[in-house]
Protein backbone atom coordinates (compact mmCIF):
# COMPACT_ATOMS: atom_id res chain seq x y z
CA MET A 1 117.85 153.80 134.32
CA ARG A 2 120.27 151.51 132.71
CA SER A 3 120.06 149.92 129.32
CA LEU A 4 121.37 146.53 128.23
CA SER A 5 123.29 145.89 124.89
CA CYS A 6 124.38 142.49 123.76
CA VAL A 7 126.22 141.29 120.60
CA LEU A 8 125.82 137.65 119.46
CA VAL A 9 128.57 135.35 117.92
CA ARG A 10 126.25 132.62 116.31
CA GLU A 11 127.10 129.40 114.45
CA GLY A 12 125.22 129.57 111.30
CA PRO A 13 122.97 132.15 109.39
CA SER A 14 119.78 130.38 110.18
CA ASP A 15 120.53 130.98 113.91
CA ASP A 16 119.75 134.61 113.12
CA TRP A 17 116.15 133.91 112.62
CA PHE A 18 115.51 132.68 116.09
CA LEU A 19 118.40 133.56 118.53
CA PRO A 20 118.50 137.41 118.62
CA VAL A 21 114.68 137.52 118.81
CA VAL A 22 114.05 134.99 121.60
CA LEU A 23 117.23 136.02 123.65
CA GLN A 24 116.05 139.59 123.56
CA ARG A 25 112.72 138.58 124.91
CA ALA A 26 114.11 136.43 127.50
CA LEU A 27 116.40 139.26 128.64
CA GLN A 28 113.35 141.65 128.88
CA ASP A 29 111.65 139.25 131.12
CA MET A 30 114.85 138.58 133.13
CA CYS A 31 115.35 142.41 133.77
CA ARG A 32 111.70 142.81 134.71
CA GLU A 33 111.99 139.97 137.16
CA ARG A 34 115.58 140.63 138.52
CA PHE A 35 117.00 143.86 137.39
CA PRO A 36 114.13 146.61 137.34
CA ALA A 37 116.55 149.31 137.15
CA CYS A 38 117.30 148.19 133.59
CA GLY A 39 114.95 150.19 131.62
CA GLU A 40 115.73 148.85 128.06
CA VAL A 41 117.13 145.82 126.41
CA GLN A 42 118.26 146.84 123.11
CA GLU A 43 118.08 144.64 119.97
CA ILE A 44 120.70 141.99 119.94
CA ARG A 45 123.32 142.56 117.11
CA SER A 46 124.71 139.55 115.45
CA LEU A 47 128.34 139.56 114.29
CA PRO A 48 128.37 137.06 111.36
CA GLU A 49 132.05 137.77 110.52
CA ALA A 50 133.06 136.57 113.70
CA GLY A 51 132.69 132.87 113.02
CA ASN A 52 132.37 130.81 115.99
CA GLN A 53 134.82 127.86 115.88
CA HIS A 54 138.22 129.69 116.30
CA PRO A 55 138.64 131.89 119.39
CA ASP A 56 141.11 134.19 117.78
CA SER A 57 138.75 135.30 115.07
CA VAL A 58 135.91 135.67 117.57
CA VAL A 59 138.01 137.85 119.85
CA ARG A 60 139.27 140.01 116.87
CA ALA A 61 135.73 140.44 115.77
CA ILE A 62 134.33 141.29 119.27
CA GLU A 63 137.36 143.61 119.88
CA ALA A 64 136.26 145.87 117.13
CA GLU A 65 132.87 146.26 119.01
CA LEU A 66 134.20 147.12 122.45
CA GLY A 67 132.46 149.94 123.88
CA THR A 68 129.28 149.34 122.11
CA PHE A 69 127.93 146.34 124.20
CA ASP A 70 127.67 145.17 127.72
CA VAL A 71 127.68 141.32 127.20
CA ALA A 72 128.81 139.08 124.53
CA LEU A 73 126.76 136.04 123.80
CA TYR A 74 128.64 133.16 122.29
CA HIS A 75 126.36 130.40 120.49
CA HIS A 76 127.65 126.91 119.75
CA ASP A 77 125.45 123.79 119.42
CA GLY A 78 126.07 121.38 122.12
CA ALA A 79 126.61 118.22 120.09
CA PRO A 80 128.71 116.10 120.07
CA PRO A 81 129.51 117.24 123.58
CA GLY A 82 133.20 116.20 123.56
CA LYS A 83 133.81 118.69 120.69
CA SER A 84 131.36 121.37 121.90
CA ASP A 85 132.71 121.51 125.45
CA LEU A 86 136.22 121.71 124.19
CA VAL A 87 135.35 124.70 121.77
CA ILE A 88 133.52 126.56 124.57
CA LYS A 89 136.41 126.03 127.10
CA ARG A 90 138.97 127.30 124.54
CA MET A 91 136.72 130.33 123.83
CA ARG A 92 136.42 131.02 127.66
CA GLU A 93 140.15 130.79 128.03
CA ALA A 94 140.74 133.17 125.13
CA TRP A 95 138.20 135.68 126.59
CA GLN A 96 139.84 135.58 129.79
CA GLU A 97 143.35 135.90 128.34
CA ALA A 98 142.11 139.04 126.39
CA GLY A 99 141.18 140.62 129.66
CA TYR A 100 137.91 142.21 128.48
CA ARG A 101 135.68 143.70 131.03
CA GLU A 102 132.57 142.60 129.33
CA PRO A 103 131.31 139.15 130.26
CA LEU A 104 131.12 136.39 127.75
CA VAL A 105 128.08 134.07 128.26
CA PRO A 106 127.80 130.95 126.22
CA VAL A 107 124.39 129.94 124.52
CA VAL A 108 124.61 126.26 123.95
CA PRO A 109 121.40 124.34 122.89
CA VAL A 110 121.98 120.66 122.82
CA ARG A 111 122.40 119.31 119.21
CA GLU A 112 120.84 122.28 117.50
CA THR A 113 119.12 125.66 118.02
CA GLU A 114 115.88 123.95 116.71
CA ALA A 115 115.59 121.98 119.87
CA TRP A 116 114.39 125.10 121.51
CA LEU A 117 112.00 125.67 118.76
CA LEU A 118 110.38 122.36 119.63
CA ALA A 119 109.98 123.20 123.36
CA ASP A 120 106.77 125.09 122.92
CA PRO A 121 104.05 123.15 120.84
CA GLU A 122 101.59 126.07 121.50
CA ALA A 123 103.97 128.49 119.68
CA ILE A 124 104.44 126.14 116.83
CA ARG A 125 100.79 125.66 116.49
CA THR A 126 100.28 129.45 116.60
CA ALA A 127 103.03 130.00 114.05
CA LEU A 128 101.48 127.63 111.60
CA ARG A 129 97.93 129.01 112.26
CA VAL A 130 96.39 125.57 113.05
CA ARG A 131 94.30 124.29 115.93
CA LYS A 132 96.14 121.10 116.32
CA LEU A 133 99.51 119.74 115.38
CA PRO A 134 99.87 116.30 113.71
CA GLU A 135 102.26 115.05 116.24
CA PRO A 136 102.19 115.46 120.08
CA GLY A 137 104.81 117.87 121.40
CA PHE A 138 107.92 117.32 123.49
CA GLU A 139 108.28 118.09 126.88
CA PRO A 140 110.58 120.96 127.49
CA GLU A 141 112.74 119.00 130.06
CA ARG A 142 113.25 116.26 127.49
CA VAL A 143 113.46 118.29 124.06
CA HIS A 144 117.16 117.74 124.03
CA SER A 145 116.64 114.07 123.46
CA VAL A 146 115.38 114.68 119.99
CA LEU A 147 118.32 113.45 117.86
CA ARG A 148 117.63 115.77 114.78
CA PRO A 149 115.62 118.67 115.97
CA LYS A 150 115.89 120.76 112.70
CA GLU A 151 114.59 118.01 110.55
CA GLU A 152 111.86 117.35 113.16
CA PHE A 153 110.71 120.99 112.94
CA GLU A 154 110.79 121.01 109.22
CA ALA A 155 108.79 117.74 109.16
CA ILE A 156 105.92 119.50 111.14
CA VAL A 157 105.98 122.29 108.95
CA ARG A 158 105.73 120.24 105.95
CA GLN A 159 103.01 118.19 107.17
CA VAL A 160 100.93 121.24 108.12
CA ALA A 161 101.78 123.79 105.33
CA GLY A 162 103.17 121.60 102.48
CA ARG A 163 106.33 120.97 100.75
CA LYS A 164 106.48 124.61 99.27
CA ALA A 165 106.61 126.07 102.96
CA THR A 166 109.99 124.12 103.86
CA GLY A 167 112.14 125.98 101.27
CA GLU A 168 114.45 128.41 102.94
CA HIS A 169 112.16 131.35 102.77
CA GLY A 170 109.28 129.34 104.12
CA VAL A 171 111.13 127.74 107.10
CA ARG A 172 112.60 131.16 108.03
CA ASP A 173 109.01 132.70 108.28
CA TYR A 174 107.94 130.03 110.60
CA VAL A 175 111.08 130.10 112.79
CA ILE A 176 110.78 133.86 113.28
CA ARG A 177 107.06 133.42 114.10
CA VAL A 178 108.01 130.92 116.78
CA GLY A 179 110.60 133.15 118.15
CA THR A 180 108.13 135.92 118.73
CA THR A 181 105.58 133.77 120.35
CA VAL A 182 107.50 131.03 122.41
CA GLN A 183 106.77 131.40 126.09
CA ILE A 184 109.98 132.18 127.81
CA ASP A 185 108.62 130.56 130.93
CA VAL A 186 108.58 127.25 128.85
CA LEU A 187 112.04 127.63 127.64
CA ARG A 188 113.26 128.16 131.12
CA ARG A 189 112.21 124.48 131.76
CA VAL A 190 114.76 123.41 129.00
CA PRO A 191 117.98 122.51 130.94
CA ALA A 192 120.35 124.29 128.49
CA PHE A 193 118.36 127.34 128.26
CA ARG A 194 118.25 127.40 131.98
CA ASP A 195 122.03 127.09 132.04
CA TRP A 196 122.20 130.23 129.93
CA TRP A 197 119.58 131.99 131.85
CA ASP A 198 121.51 131.45 135.27
CA GLU A 199 124.88 132.41 133.69
CA MET A 200 123.30 135.74 132.23
CA ILE A 201 122.00 136.58 135.75
CA GLU A 202 125.47 136.06 137.18
CA ALA A 203 126.94 138.14 134.47
CA LEU A 204 124.47 141.17 134.94
CA GLU A 205 125.12 140.98 138.71
CA ARG A 206 128.88 141.27 138.16
CA LEU A 207 128.02 144.31 136.02
CA GLY A 208 126.15 145.76 138.90
CA TYR A 209 122.72 145.69 137.29
CA GLN A 210 120.96 144.81 140.49
CA HIS A 211 121.89 148.33 141.74
CA GLY A 212 120.79 150.40 138.85
């Protein structure tokens, strides 16, 4: 039985509250569905010292971790698209030039990571411990049309839990709760999450995970 280890280069500290948790859960589902010979998905390790805007600093930080992971996950918010696409293109090129065996798989929520938080209203309701949310939810297929997903999520928390809950500590707790309960099948209906999912499958196939 093989195990899977990933490192994550993320954009901001708050992304650590959600992405490592939800991506590990997604990979567990993926391996059960597509790669049953993978018996363990290890906790995803974040590399905060890597930054994420400059390919050279990312490559240097990950180089120090070579031999300890199977796949590198590179997070960058997908807005504005012109800037984001260029950064990701440069990162891919730098990775290819470095010649690492380990794949690099981008994680690119449109606008902000919080867009994925909004995809599953049931998970938000559970995190807030309420029977009903003050506003109707967003369809996963259209969640990236929300212009300011972070503000939208905080507004929901504020309406339900009060202003004190929107301090950094309070928001962090609710983000983590959503990360542990959001349905991966719902996230797979979000186009950008599906892009990550499909590219991750390709990466694991290149590494031979389908053969055990």
